[in-house]
Amino acid sequence: LHLLCRRQRQLCIRERSASGCSAVLESQAQNEKNEKLDIICVSFAEYDWTKEILGEHVQDVNLIYLLENGIDLHNYQPSAKDMIRISGCDLLIYTGGESGSWVDDMFRTEMPDTEMRVIRLMDALQDSVRTEEYKEGMQTDSDQDHAESDYDEHVWLSVRNAGKICDVICQNLCELDAVHAQDYQNNLEHYQTELYNLDQEFTRMTEQSSVKTLIFGDRFPFRYFVDDYGLDYYAAFSGCSSDTEASFETIVFLAEKVNALQAEAIFKIENSSDSLAESIISSTEQKNQKILSLHSMQSVTAQEIADGASYLSIMQDNRDVLSEVLHS
């Protein structure tokens, strides 16, 4: 990264590009003059948690969300500008796992001397991190050569994990900005109450339901969620799968599970096509199941945030969708 930064500056000088490199250098110069904390969050959940803990002090920091254009977490590749911003930030928060491998690679290269703090969600959760699960009938990913493919990175979809991670974020903010530490602690306490209340709502809903198994005609990033509430599932692909086309055998297997369980719905994740779920439904006996979408927060845009999207609001929407199936 150090070499990248140096080469980027040299390239700017040679080309004198007013629209590209000069903008990066102007941004760097401005950051050097700016006494605000620079906090970079790669994905949405960690951005929203940090914003909640900062509270009114969010205006006093440079809080950056890298995926604000809505690109899927698994498809993101950092630009040279992103790398330079990261190299000079005070706090970097990222998930780890497959989608965070580019960050891990960055830290393996030569880094300039820095006092940057780093929160890697999968490290913060320690023993709570689970291995990737391949259920019966699930199609094997055709591209399983990732360094951390044995671990399920979708830790943010557990409300209970969210509480643990927020503790770590708050601790780092308090150490970086001791003057406002009490405010951060108060904000955390309030937010933890909201997370706890939502967790209790999920607990009551799942405990009172006779339905204990979900059928996904899609990738399945909700392993941590279903484990929290004692649910089972069957799915076409694992959470990080790059495959989009299911085999005939996978479709038939899931259709037979729908028949056996008398399932009322097939689930998919946001922004996915209905085509696979429709194929499963057409292979069932009743052929009348609903297609319902759960939000995995893998691609949330700046516009959605401006319109009010938050970690809690999205998980509450998921609660409402699940209530259509997990009724008592």
C-alpha atoms as a PDB file:
ATOM      1  CA  LEU A   1       0.000   0.000   0.000  1.00  0.00           C
ATOM      2  CA  HIS A   2       2.890   2.331   0.780  1.00  0.00           C
ATOM      3  CA  LEU A   3       4.233   1.718  -2.729  1.00  0.00           C
ATOM      4  CA  LEU A   4       0.756   2.197  -4.168  1.00  0.00           C
ATOM      5  CA  CYS A   5       0.395   5.584  -2.496  1.00  0.00           C
ATOM      6  CA  ARG A   6       3.847   6.701  -3.707  1.00  0.00           C
ATOM      7  CA  ARG A   7       3.180   5.551  -7.269  1.00  0.00           C
ATOM      8  CA  GLN A   8      -0.218   7.225  -7.223  1.00  0.00           C
ATOM      9  CA  ARG A   9       1.413  10.551  -6.300  1.00  0.00           C
ATOM     10  CA  GLN A  10       4.106  10.134  -8.964  1.00  0.00           C
ATOM     11  CA  LEU A  11       1.489   9.377 -11.580  1.00  0.00           C
ATOM     12  CA  CYS A  12      -0.454  12.469 -10.602  1.00  0.00           C
ATOM     13  CA  ILE A  13       2.611  14.676 -11.004  1.00  0.00           C
ATOM     14  CA  ARG A  14       3.427  13.203 -14.410  1.00  0.00           C
ATOM     15  CA  GLU A  15      -0.065  13.389 -15.842  1.00  0.00           C
ATOM     16  CA  ARG A  16      -1.293  16.484 -13.950  1.00  0.00           C
ATOM     17  CA  SER A  17      -4.778  15.061 -14.139  1.00  0.00           C
ATOM     18  CA  ALA A  18      -7.171  17.674 -12.813  1.00  0.00           C
ATOM     19  CA  SER A  19     -10.140  15.316 -12.786  1.00  0.00           C
ATOM     20  CA  GLY A  20      -8.544  12.283 -11.176  1.00  0.00           C
ATOM     21  CA  CYS A  21      -5.293  12.250  -9.261  1.00  0.00           C
ATOM     22  CA  SER A  22      -5.352  15.914  -8.275  1.00  0.00           C
ATOM     23  CA  ALA A  23      -8.689  15.306  -6.595  1.00  0.00           C
ATOM     24  CA  VAL A  24      -7.123  12.502  -4.544  1.00  0.00           C
ATOM     25  CA  LEU A  25      -4.202  14.693  -3.530  1.00  0.00           C
ATOM     26  CA  GLU A  26      -6.496  17.576  -2.614  1.00  0.00           C
ATOM     27  CA  SER A  27      -8.491  15.181  -0.473  1.00  0.00           C
ATOM     28  CA  GLN A  28      -5.313  13.988   1.227  1.00  0.00           C
ATOM     29  CA  ALA A  29      -4.192  17.549   1.895  1.00  0.00           C
ATOM     30  CA  GLN A  30      -7.592  18.402   3.338  1.00  0.00           C
ATOM     31  CA  ASN A  31      -7.499  15.373   5.598  1.00  0.00           C
ATOM     32  CA  GLU A  32      -4.102  16.370   6.915  1.00  0.00           C
ATOM     33  CA  LYS A  33      -5.554  19.719   7.961  1.00  0.00           C
ATOM     34  CA  ASN A  34      -8.714  18.212   9.344  1.00  0.00           C
ATOM     35  CA  GLU A  35      -8.660  17.288  13.025  1.00  0.00           C
ATOM     36  CA  LYS A  36     -11.794  15.169  12.838  1.00  0.00           C
ATOM     37  CA  LEU A  37     -11.501  11.440  13.387  1.00  0.00           C
ATOM     38  CA  ASP A  38     -11.595   9.484  10.123  1.00  0.00           C
ATOM     39  CA  ILE A  39     -13.680   6.325  10.533  1.00  0.00           C
ATOM     40  CA  ILE A  40     -14.154   3.973   7.587  1.00  0.00           C
ATOM     41  CA  CYS A  41     -16.765   1.220   7.575  1.00  0.00           C
ATOM     42  CA  VAL A  42     -16.704  -1.170   4.651  1.00  0.00           C
ATOM     43  CA  SER A  43     -20.273  -2.474   4.869  1.00  0.00           C
ATOM     44  CA  PHE A  44     -23.650  -1.217   6.007  1.00  0.00           C
ATOM     45  CA  ALA A  45     -24.287  -2.891   9.367  1.00  0.00           C
ATOM     46  CA  GLU A  46     -21.020  -1.706  10.935  1.00  0.00           C
ATOM     47  CA  TYR A  47     -21.592   1.784   9.504  1.00  0.00           C
ATOM     48  CA  ASP A  48     -25.055   2.016  11.040  1.00  0.00           C
ATOM     49  CA  TRP A  49     -23.920   0.639  14.408  1.00  0.00           C
ATOM     50  CA  THR A  50     -21.095   3.191  14.540  1.00  0.00           C
ATOM     51  CA  LYS A  51     -23.471   6.005  13.634  1.00  0.00           C
ATOM     52  CA  GLU A  52     -25.858   4.994  16.424  1.00  0.00           C
ATOM     53  CA  ILE A  53     -23.083   4.942  19.036  1.00  0.00           C
ATOM     54  CA  LEU A  54     -21.689   8.281  17.869  1.00  0.00           C
ATOM     55  CA  GLY A  55     -25.141   9.818  18.173  1.00  0.00           C
ATOM     56  CA  GLU A  56     -25.032  13.606  17.871  1.00  0.00           C
ATOM     57  CA  HIS A  57     -21.233  13.436  17.587  1.00  0.00           C
ATOM     58  CA  VAL A  58     -21.520  11.833  14.146  1.00  0.00           C
ATOM     59  CA  GLN A  59     -21.198  15.398  12.849  1.00  0.00           C
ATOM     60  CA  ASP A  60     -17.819  15.698  14.540  1.00  0.00           C
ATOM     61  CA  VAL A  61     -16.162  12.814  12.671  1.00  0.00           C
ATOM     62  CA  ASN A  62     -15.610  11.826   9.054  1.00  0.00           C
ATOM     63  CA  LEU A  63     -17.691   8.639   8.944  1.00  0.00           C
ATOM     64  CA  ILE A  64     -17.313   6.915   5.578  1.00  0.00           C
ATOM     65  CA  TYR A  65     -19.346   3.987   4.233  1.00  0.00           C
ATOM     66  CA  LEU A  66     -17.441   2.411   1.352  1.00  0.00           C
ATOM     67  CA  LEU A  67     -20.320   0.442  -0.195  1.00  0.00           C
ATOM     68  CA  GLU A  68     -22.757   3.356  -0.367  1.00  0.00           C
ATOM     69  CA  ASN A  69     -23.256   2.894  -4.122  1.00  0.00           C
ATOM     70  CA  GLY A  70     -25.047  -0.396  -3.383  1.00  0.00           C
ATOM     71  CA  ILE A  71     -22.534  -2.857  -4.788  1.00  0.00           C
ATOM     72  CA  ASP A  72     -22.878  -6.307  -3.243  1.00  0.00           C
ATOM     73  CA  LEU A  73     -20.397  -6.923  -0.440  1.00  0.00           C
ATOM     74  CA  HIS A  74     -19.008  -9.993  -2.209  1.00  0.00           C
ATOM     75  CA  ASN A  75     -18.331  -8.123  -5.460  1.00  0.00           C
ATOM     76  CA  TYR A  76     -16.611  -5.028  -4.059  1.00  0.00           C
ATOM     77  CA  GLN A  77     -13.082  -4.219  -5.182  1.00  0.00           C
ATOM     78  CA  PRO A  78     -11.432  -1.138  -3.639  1.00  0.00           C
ATOM     79  CA  SER A  79     -10.244   1.670  -5.870  1.00  0.00           C
ATOM     80  CA  ALA A  80      -6.828   3.304  -5.470  1.00  0.00           C
ATOM     81  CA  LYS A  81      -8.623   6.231  -3.842  1.00  0.00           C
ATOM     82  CA  ASP A  82     -10.281   3.896  -1.325  1.00  0.00           C
ATOM     83  CA  MET A  83      -6.915   2.348  -0.450  1.00  0.00           C
ATOM     84  CA  ILE A  84      -5.366   5.757   0.141  1.00  0.00           C
ATOM     85  CA  ARG A  85      -8.279   6.828   2.351  1.00  0.00           C
ATOM     86  CA  ILE A  86      -7.967   3.637   4.379  1.00  0.00           C
ATOM     87  CA  SER A  87      -4.220   4.075   4.836  1.00  0.00           C
ATOM     88  CA  GLY A  88      -4.781   7.384   6.621  1.00  0.00           C
ATOM     89  CA  CYS A  89      -7.881   6.650   8.698  1.00  0.00           C
ATOM     90  CA  ASP A  90      -8.074   6.457  12.485  1.00  0.00           C
ATOM     91  CA  LEU A  91     -10.461   3.498  12.672  1.00  0.00           C
ATOM     92  CA  LEU A  92     -11.275   0.847  10.067  1.00  0.00           C
ATOM     93  CA  ILE A  93     -14.186  -1.539  10.604  1.00  0.00           C
ATOM     94  CA  TYR A  94     -14.719  -4.516   8.310  1.00  0.00           C
ATOM     95  CA  THR A  95     -16.197  -7.988   8.465  1.00  0.00           C
ATOM     96  CA  GLY A  96     -13.381 -10.331   7.532  1.00  0.00           C
ATOM     97  CA  GLY A  97     -13.996 -13.631   5.800  1.00  0.00           C
ATOM     98  CA  GLU A  98     -14.164 -13.972   2.039  1.00  0.00           C
ATOM     99  CA  SER A  99     -15.568 -10.517   1.314  1.00  0.00           C
ATOM    100  CA  GLY A 100     -12.879  -8.897   3.475  1.00  0.00           C
ATOM    101  CA  SER A 101      -9.963 -10.798   1.991  1.00  0.00           C
ATOM    102  CA  TRP A 102      -8.792  -7.689   0.137  1.00  0.00           C
ATOM    103  CA  VAL A 103      -8.356  -5.912   3.493  1.00  0.00           C
ATOM    104  CA  ASP A 104      -6.445  -8.852   4.926  1.00  0.00           C
ATOM    105  CA  ASP A 105      -4.229  -8.831   1.840  1.00  0.00           C
ATOM    106  CA  MET A 106      -3.654  -5.106   2.260  1.00  0.00           C
ATOM    107  CA  PHE A 107      -2.375  -5.582   5.801  1.00  0.00           C
ATOM    108  CA  ARG A 108      -0.022  -8.328   4.669  1.00  0.00           C
ATOM    109  CA  THR A 109       1.761  -5.860   2.374  1.00  0.00           C
ATOM    110  CA  GLU A 110       4.088  -3.073   3.500  1.00  0.00           C
ATOM    111  CA  MET A 111       2.073  -0.471   5.392  1.00  0.00           C
ATOM    112  CA  PRO A 112       3.247   3.019   6.322  1.00  0.00           C
ATOM    113  CA  ASP A 113       3.689   3.678  10.035  1.00  0.00           C
ATOM    114  CA  THR A 114       0.214   4.254  11.383  1.00  0.00           C
ATOM    115  CA  GLU A 115      -1.732   4.266  14.618  1.00  0.00           C
ATOM    116  CA  MET A 116      -4.852   3.070  12.832  1.00  0.00           C
ATOM    117  CA  ARG A 117      -7.248   0.984  14.904  1.00  0.00           C
ATOM    118  CA  VAL A 118      -8.869  -1.968  13.175  1.00  0.00           C
ATOM    119  CA  ILE A 119     -12.016  -3.850  14.132  1.00  0.00           C
ATOM    120  CA  ARG A 120     -12.468  -7.111  12.251  1.00  0.00           C
ATOM    121  CA  LEU A 121     -15.931  -8.372  13.143  1.00  0.00           C
ATOM    122  CA  MET A 122     -15.030 -12.047  12.909  1.00  0.00           C
ATOM    123  CA  ASP A 123     -12.146 -11.487  15.342  1.00  0.00           C
ATOM    124  CA  ALA A 124     -14.321  -9.467  17.704  1.00  0.00           C
ATOM    125  CA  LEU A 125     -16.787 -12.369  17.951  1.00  0.00           C
ATOM    126  CA  GLN A 126     -14.057 -14.989  18.520  1.00  0.00           C
ATOM    127  CA  ASP A 127     -15.705 -18.313  19.418  1.00  0.00           C
ATOM    128  CA  SER A 128     -19.110 -17.161  18.135  1.00  0.00           C
ATOM    129  CA  VAL A 129     -17.948 -17.447  14.512  1.00  0.00           C
ATOM    130  CA  ARG A 130     -19.282 -20.570  12.798  1.00  0.00           C
ATOM    131  CA  THR A 131     -17.934 -22.646   9.956  1.00  0.00           C
ATOM    132  CA  GLU A 132     -19.672 -22.556   6.596  1.00  0.00           C
ATOM    133  CA  GLU A 133     -22.405 -25.167   6.496  1.00  0.00           C
ATOM    134  CA  TYR A 134     -23.346 -27.275   3.494  1.00  0.00           C
ATOM    135  CA  LYS A 135     -26.776 -28.752   4.097  1.00  0.00           C
ATOM    136  CA  GLU A 136     -28.287 -31.772   2.430  1.00  0.00           C
ATOM    137  CA  GLY A 137     -29.458 -30.881  -1.063  1.00  0.00           C
ATOM    138  CA  MET A 138     -27.429 -27.680  -1.256  1.00  0.00           C
ATOM    139  CA  GLN A 139     -25.574 -27.170  -4.496  1.00  0.00           C
ATOM    140  CA  THR A 140     -21.802 -27.092  -4.089  1.00  0.00           C
ATOM    141  CA  ASP A 141     -20.236 -23.804  -5.133  1.00  0.00           C
ATOM    142  CA  SER A 142     -18.216 -24.188  -8.315  1.00  0.00           C
ATOM    143  CA  ASP A 143     -15.617 -21.705  -6.998  1.00  0.00           C
ATOM    144  CA  GLN A 144     -14.685 -22.891  -3.521  1.00  0.00           C
ATOM    145  CA  ASP A 145     -11.040 -21.891  -3.471  1.00  0.00           C
ATOM    146  CA  HIS A 146     -11.233 -18.936  -1.110  1.00  0.00           C
ATOM    147  CA  ALA A 147      -8.821 -18.571   1.793  1.00  0.00           C
ATOM    148  CA  GLU A 148     -11.554 -18.405   4.395  1.00  0.00           C
ATOM    149  CA  SER A 149     -14.310 -20.363   2.721  1.00  0.00           C
ATOM    150  CA  ASP A 150     -14.593 -22.524   5.863  1.00  0.00           C
ATOM    151  CA  TYR A 151     -16.048 -19.626   7.844  1.00  0.00           C
ATOM    152  CA  ASP A 152     -19.470 -18.026   7.556  1.00  0.00           C
ATOM    153  CA  GLU A 153     -18.914 -14.278   7.475  1.00  0.00           C
ATOM    154  CA  HIS A 154     -22.551 -13.129   7.711  1.00  0.00           C
ATOM    155  CA  VAL A 155     -22.228 -12.423  11.421  1.00  0.00           C
ATOM    156  CA  TRP A 156     -24.228  -9.175  11.321  1.00  0.00           C
ATOM    157  CA  LEU A 157     -27.512 -11.004  10.676  1.00  0.00           C
ATOM    158  CA  SER A 158     -27.577 -12.122  14.301  1.00  0.00           C
ATOM    159  CA  VAL A 159     -29.044  -9.419  16.551  1.00  0.00           C
ATOM    160  CA  ARG A 160     -27.131 -11.000  19.416  1.00  0.00           C
ATOM    161  CA  ASN A 161     -23.855 -10.691  17.524  1.00  0.00           C
ATOM    162  CA  ALA A 162     -24.733  -7.067  16.828  1.00  0.00           C
ATOM    163  CA  GLY A 163     -24.801  -6.380  20.558  1.00  0.00           C
ATOM    164  CA  LYS A 164     -21.365  -7.912  21.074  1.00  0.00           C
ATOM    165  CA  ILE A 165     -19.849  -5.998  18.164  1.00  0.00           C
ATOM    166  CA  CYS A 166     -21.361  -2.706  19.316  1.00  0.00           C
ATOM    167  CA  ASP A 167     -19.556  -3.152  22.641  1.00  0.00           C
ATOM    168  CA  VAL A 168     -16.243  -3.374  20.776  1.00  0.00           C
ATOM    169  CA  ILE A 169     -17.025  -0.371  18.570  1.00  0.00           C
ATOM    170  CA  CYS A 170     -17.963   1.708  21.604  1.00  0.00           C
ATOM    171  CA  GLN A 171     -14.780   0.752  23.442  1.00  0.00           C
ATOM    172  CA  ASN A 172     -12.658   1.918  20.504  1.00  0.00           C
ATOM    173  CA  LEU A 173     -14.584   5.176  20.129  1.00  0.00           C
ATOM    174  CA  CYS A 174     -14.182   5.900  23.832  1.00  0.00           C
ATOM    175  CA  GLU A 175     -10.434   5.361  23.613  1.00  0.00           C
ATOM    176  CA  LEU A 176     -10.118   7.500  20.497  1.00  0.00           C
ATOM    177  CA  ASP A 177     -12.264  10.310  21.908  1.00  0.00           C
ATOM    178  CA  ALA A 178     -12.207  10.156  25.690  1.00  0.00           C
ATOM    179  CA  VAL A 179     -13.848  13.586  25.993  1.00  0.00           C
ATOM    180  CA  HIS A 180     -17.147  12.203  24.720  1.00  0.00           C
ATOM    181  CA  ALA A 181     -16.776   8.697  26.130  1.00  0.00           C
ATOM    182  CA  GLN A 182     -19.757   9.029  28.464  1.00  0.00           C
ATOM    183  CA  ASP A 183     -21.992  10.067  25.577  1.00  0.00           C
ATOM    184  CA  TYR A 184     -20.896   7.026  23.609  1.00  0.00           C
ATOM    185  CA  GLN A 185     -21.595   4.767  26.583  1.00  0.00           C
ATOM    186  CA  ASN A 186     -25.056   6.280  26.998  1.00  0.00           C
ATOM    187  CA  ASN A 187     -25.824   5.864  23.301  1.00  0.00           C
ATOM    188  CA  LEU A 188     -24.626   2.265  23.445  1.00  0.00           C
ATOM    189  CA  GLU A 189     -26.820   1.490  26.428  1.00  0.00           C
ATOM    190  CA  HIS A 190     -29.889   2.879  24.655  1.00  0.00           C
ATOM    191  CA  TYR A 191     -29.097   0.991  21.448  1.00  0.00           C
ATOM    192  CA  GLN A 192     -28.428  -2.264  23.287  1.00  0.00           C
ATOM    193  CA  THR A 193     -31.917  -1.979  24.774  1.00  0.00           C
ATOM    194  CA  GLU A 194     -33.397  -1.696  21.276  1.00  0.00           C
ATOM    195  CA  LEU A 195     -31.389  -4.696  20.089  1.00  0.00           C
ATOM    196  CA  TYR A 196     -32.472  -6.724  23.128  1.00  0.00           C
ATOM    197  CA  ASN A 197     -36.139  -5.863  22.559  1.00  0.00           C
ATOM    198  CA  LEU A 198     -35.919  -6.945  18.928  1.00  0.00           C
ATOM    199  CA  ASP A 199     -34.175 -10.165  19.924  1.00  0.00           C
ATOM    200  CA  GLN A 200     -37.002 -10.887  22.356  1.00  0.00           C
ATOM    201  CA  GLU A 201     -39.574 -10.320  19.603  1.00  0.00           C
ATOM    202  CA  PHE A 202     -37.806 -12.848  17.373  1.00  0.00           C
ATOM    203  CA  THR A 203     -37.564 -15.272  20.288  1.00  0.00           C
ATOM    204  CA  ARG A 204     -41.272 -15.091  21.089  1.00  0.00           C
ATOM    205  CA  MET A 205     -42.277 -15.397  17.437  1.00  0.00           C
ATOM    206  CA  THR A 206     -40.128 -18.467  16.772  1.00  0.00           C
ATOM    207  CA  GLU A 207     -40.959 -20.190  20.070  1.00  0.00           C
ATOM    208  CA  GLN A 208     -44.693 -19.809  19.506  1.00  0.00           C
ATOM    209  CA  SER A 209     -44.590 -20.972  15.890  1.00  0.00           C
ATOM    210  CA  SER A 210     -45.190 -24.538  14.786  1.00  0.00           C
ATOM    211  CA  VAL A 211     -43.058 -23.808  11.710  1.00  0.00           C
ATOM    212  CA  LYS A 212     -39.403 -24.554  12.440  1.00  0.00           C
ATOM    213  CA  THR A 213     -37.881 -24.831   8.944  1.00  0.00           C
ATOM    214  CA  LEU A 214     -37.341 -22.249   6.194  1.00  0.00           C
ATOM    215  CA  ILE A 215     -36.908 -23.078   2.496  1.00  0.00           C
ATOM    216  CA  PHE A 216     -34.608 -20.763   0.516  1.00  0.00           C
ATOM    217  CA  GLY A 217     -34.549 -20.762  -3.259  1.00  0.00           C
ATOM    218  CA  ASP A 218     -31.420 -18.665  -3.160  1.00  0.00           C
ATOM    219  CA  ARG A 219     -28.135 -18.119  -1.338  1.00  0.00           C
ATOM    220  CA  PHE A 220     -28.492 -18.540   2.418  1.00  0.00           C
ATOM    221  CA  PRO A 221     -26.643 -15.922   4.527  1.00  0.00           C
ATOM    222  CA  PHE A 222     -28.900 -16.346   7.596  1.00  0.00           C
ATOM    223  CA  ARG A 223     -27.050 -19.164   9.371  1.00  0.00           C
ATOM    224  CA  TYR A 224     -26.383 -17.087  12.509  1.00  0.00           C
ATOM    225  CA  PHE A 225     -29.979 -15.916  12.615  1.00  0.00           C
ATOM    226  CA  VAL A 226     -31.580 -19.357  12.442  1.00  0.00           C
ATOM    227  CA  ASP A 227     -29.103 -20.738  14.979  1.00  0.00           C
ATOM    228  CA  ASP A 228     -30.089 -18.004  17.440  1.00  0.00           C
ATOM    229  CA  TYR A 229     -33.737 -19.042  17.357  1.00  0.00           C
ATOM    230  CA  GLY A 230     -33.578 -22.792  16.892  1.00  0.00           C
ATOM    231  CA  LEU A 231     -34.758 -22.816  13.279  1.00  0.00           C
ATOM    232  CA  ASP A 232     -33.698 -25.209  10.545  1.00  0.00           C
ATOM    233  CA  TYR A 233     -33.422 -24.508   6.817  1.00  0.00           C
ATOM    234  CA  TYR A 234     -32.812 -25.914   3.369  1.00  0.00           C
ATOM    235  CA  ALA A 235     -31.331 -23.753   0.628  1.00  0.00           C
ATOM    236  CA  ALA A 236     -30.099 -23.879  -2.950  1.00  0.00           C
ATOM    237  CA  PHE A 237     -26.687 -22.317  -2.232  1.00  0.00           C
ATOM    238  CA  SER A 238     -24.452 -21.329   0.670  1.00  0.00           C
ATOM    239  CA  GLY A 239     -24.306 -17.687   1.741  1.00  0.00           C
ATOM    240  CA  CYS A 240     -21.173 -16.804  -0.231  1.00  0.00           C
ATOM    241  CA  SER A 241     -21.882 -18.940  -3.282  1.00  0.00           C
ATOM    242  CA  SER A 242     -21.132 -17.394  -6.658  1.00  0.00           C
ATOM    243  CA  ASP A 243     -23.542 -19.763  -8.439  1.00  0.00           C
ATOM    244  CA  THR A 244     -26.893 -18.477  -9.658  1.00  0.00           C
ATOM    245  CA  GLU A 245     -28.219 -21.463 -11.592  1.00  0.00           C
ATOM    246  CA  ALA A 246     -29.447 -24.468  -9.622  1.00  0.00           C
ATOM    247  CA  SER A 247     -29.361 -28.011 -10.941  1.00  0.00           C
ATOM    248  CA  PHE A 248     -32.476 -30.034 -11.606  1.00  0.00           C
ATOM    249  CA  GLU A 249     -31.585 -32.207  -8.603  1.00  0.00           C
ATOM    250  CA  THR A 250     -31.435 -29.188  -6.282  1.00  0.00           C
ATOM    251  CA  ILE A 251     -34.790 -27.890  -7.498  1.00  0.00           C
ATOM    252  CA  VAL A 252     -36.461 -31.272  -7.052  1.00  0.00           C
ATOM    253  CA  PHE A 253     -34.918 -31.744  -3.602  1.00  0.00           C
ATOM    254  CA  LEU A 254     -36.216 -28.382  -2.370  1.00  0.00           C
ATOM    255  CA  ALA A 255     -39.647 -28.969  -3.919  1.00  0.00           C
ATOM    256  CA  GLU A 256     -39.886 -32.294  -2.077  1.00  0.00           C
ATOM    257  CA  LYS A 257     -38.982 -30.532   1.171  1.00  0.00           C
ATOM    258  CA  VAL A 258     -41.742 -27.996   0.527  1.00  0.00           C
ATOM    259  CA  ASN A 259     -44.197 -30.864   0.031  1.00  0.00           C
ATOM    260  CA  ALA A 260     -43.055 -32.745   3.142  1.00  0.00           C
ATOM    261  CA  LEU A 261     -43.147 -29.664   5.356  1.00  0.00           C
ATOM    262  CA  GLN A 262     -46.268 -28.207   3.739  1.00  0.00           C
ATOM    263  CA  ALA A 263     -44.336 -24.947   3.522  1.00  0.00           C
ATOM    264  CA  GLU A 264     -46.355 -21.843   2.704  1.00  0.00           C
ATOM    265  CA  ALA A 265     -43.475 -19.836   1.220  1.00  0.00           C
ATOM    266  CA  ILE A 266     -40.146 -19.947  -0.545  1.00  0.00           C
ATOM    267  CA  PHE A 267     -37.653 -17.317   0.622  1.00  0.00           C
ATOM    268  CA  LYS A 268     -35.033 -15.380  -1.308  1.00  0.00           C
ATOM    269  CA  ILE A 269     -32.763 -12.453  -0.470  1.00  0.00           C
ATOM    270  CA  GLU A 270     -33.106  -8.857  -1.607  1.00  0.00           C
ATOM    271  CA  ASN A 271     -32.323  -8.013  -5.225  1.00  0.00           C
ATOM    272  CA  SER A 272     -32.377 -11.659  -6.291  1.00  0.00           C
ATOM    273  CA  SER A 273     -34.493 -12.949  -9.159  1.00  0.00           C
ATOM    274  CA  ASP A 274     -37.672 -14.905  -8.404  1.00  0.00           C
ATOM    275  CA  SER A 275     -36.865 -17.432 -11.133  1.00  0.00           C
ATOM    276  CA  LEU A 276     -35.375 -20.160  -8.939  1.00  0.00           C
ATOM    277  CA  ALA A 277     -38.145 -19.882  -6.346  1.00  0.00           C
ATOM    278  CA  GLU A 278     -40.690 -20.057  -9.171  1.00  0.00           C
ATOM    279  CA  SER A 279     -39.041 -23.218 -10.527  1.00  0.00           C
ATOM    280  CA  ILE A 280     -39.235 -24.832  -7.091  1.00  0.00           C
ATOM    281  CA  ILE A 281     -42.892 -23.866  -6.691  1.00  0.00           C
ATOM    282  CA  SER A 282     -43.774 -25.254 -10.132  1.00  0.00           C
ATOM    283  CA  SER A 283     -42.285 -28.587  -9.028  1.00  0.00           C
ATOM    284  CA  THR A 284     -44.348 -28.842  -5.832  1.00  0.00           C
ATOM    285  CA  GLU A 285     -47.680 -30.590  -5.409  1.00  0.00           C
ATOM    286  CA  GLN A 286     -49.699 -27.493  -4.445  1.00  0.00           C
ATOM    287  CA  LYS A 287     -47.889 -24.956  -6.648  1.00  0.00           C
ATOM    288  CA  ASN A 288     -49.346 -22.099  -4.600  1.00  0.00           C
ATOM    289  CA  GLN A 289     -46.518 -21.055  -2.277  1.00  0.00           C
ATOM    290  CA  LYS A 290     -45.665 -17.382  -1.779  1.00  0.00           C
ATOM    291  CA  ILE A 291     -42.257 -15.942  -2.604  1.00  0.00           C
ATOM    292  CA  LEU A 292     -40.978 -13.811   0.283  1.00  0.00           C
ATOM    293  CA  SER A 293     -37.804 -11.724   0.450  1.00  0.00           C
ATOM    294  CA  LEU A 294     -35.554 -11.291   3.483  1.00  0.00           C
ATOM    295  CA  HIS A 295     -32.971  -8.502   3.528  1.00  0.00           C
ATOM    296  CA  SER A 296     -29.371  -9.588   4.136  1.00  0.00           C
ATOM    297  CA  MET A 297     -27.896  -6.046   4.165  1.00  0.00           C
ATOM    298  CA  GLN A 298     -25.227  -7.006   1.658  1.00  0.00           C
ATOM    299  CA  SER A 299     -26.076  -4.058  -0.596  1.00  0.00           C
ATOM    300  CA  VAL A 300     -27.611  -0.941   0.958  1.00  0.00           C
ATOM    301  CA  THR A 301     -27.301   2.353  -0.901  1.00  0.00           C
ATOM    302  CA  ALA A 302     -26.719   5.883   0.366  1.00  0.00           C
ATOM    303  CA  GLN A 303     -30.166   6.767  -0.963  1.00  0.00           C
ATOM    304  CA  GLU A 304     -31.789   4.001   1.085  1.00  0.00           C
ATOM    305  CA  ILE A 305     -29.997   5.332   4.154  1.00  0.00           C
ATOM    306  CA  ALA A 306     -31.214   8.848   3.387  1.00  0.00           C
ATOM    307  CA  ASP A 307     -34.724   7.403   3.130  1.00  0.00           C
ATOM    308  CA  GLY A 308     -34.426   5.976   6.642  1.00  0.00           C
ATOM    309  CA  ALA A 309     -32.914   2.509   6.270  1.00  0.00           C
ATOM    310  CA  SER A 310     -31.102   1.353   9.401  1.00  0.00           C
ATOM    311  CA  TYR A 311     -29.944  -1.942  10.847  1.00  0.00           C
ATOM    312  CA  LEU A 312     -32.952  -2.019  13.174  1.00  0.00           C
ATOM    313  CA  SER A 313     -35.486  -1.012  10.508  1.00  0.00           C
ATOM    314  CA  ILE A 314     -34.265  -3.713   8.112  1.00  0.00           C
ATOM    315  CA  MET A 315     -34.296  -6.403  10.790  1.00  0.00           C
ATOM    316  CA  GLN A 316     -37.768  -5.257  11.826  1.00  0.00           C
ATOM    317  CA  ASP A 317     -38.886  -5.590   8.215  1.00  0.00           C
ATOM    318  CA  ASN A 318     -37.435  -9.119   8.222  1.00  0.00           C
ATOM    319  CA  ARG A 319     -39.425  -9.819  11.376  1.00  0.00           C
ATOM    320  CA  ASP A 320     -42.618  -8.696   9.660  1.00  0.00           C
ATOM    321  CA  VAL A 321     -41.903 -10.879   6.600  1.00  0.00           C
ATOM    322  CA  LEU A 322     -41.151 -13.918   8.764  1.00  0.00           C
ATOM    323  CA  SER A 323     -44.354 -13.368  10.730  1.00  0.00           C
ATOM    324  CA  GLU A 324     -46.293 -14.296   7.568  1.00  0.00           C
ATOM    325  CA  VAL A 325     -44.876 -17.815   7.915  1.00  0.00           C
ATOM    326  CA  LEU A 326     -43.945 -18.189  11.583  1.00  0.00           C
ATOM    327  CA  HIS A 327     -47.451 -17.593  12.870  1.00  0.00           C
ATOM    328  CA  SER A 328     -48.713 -19.578  15.851  1.00  0.00           C
END
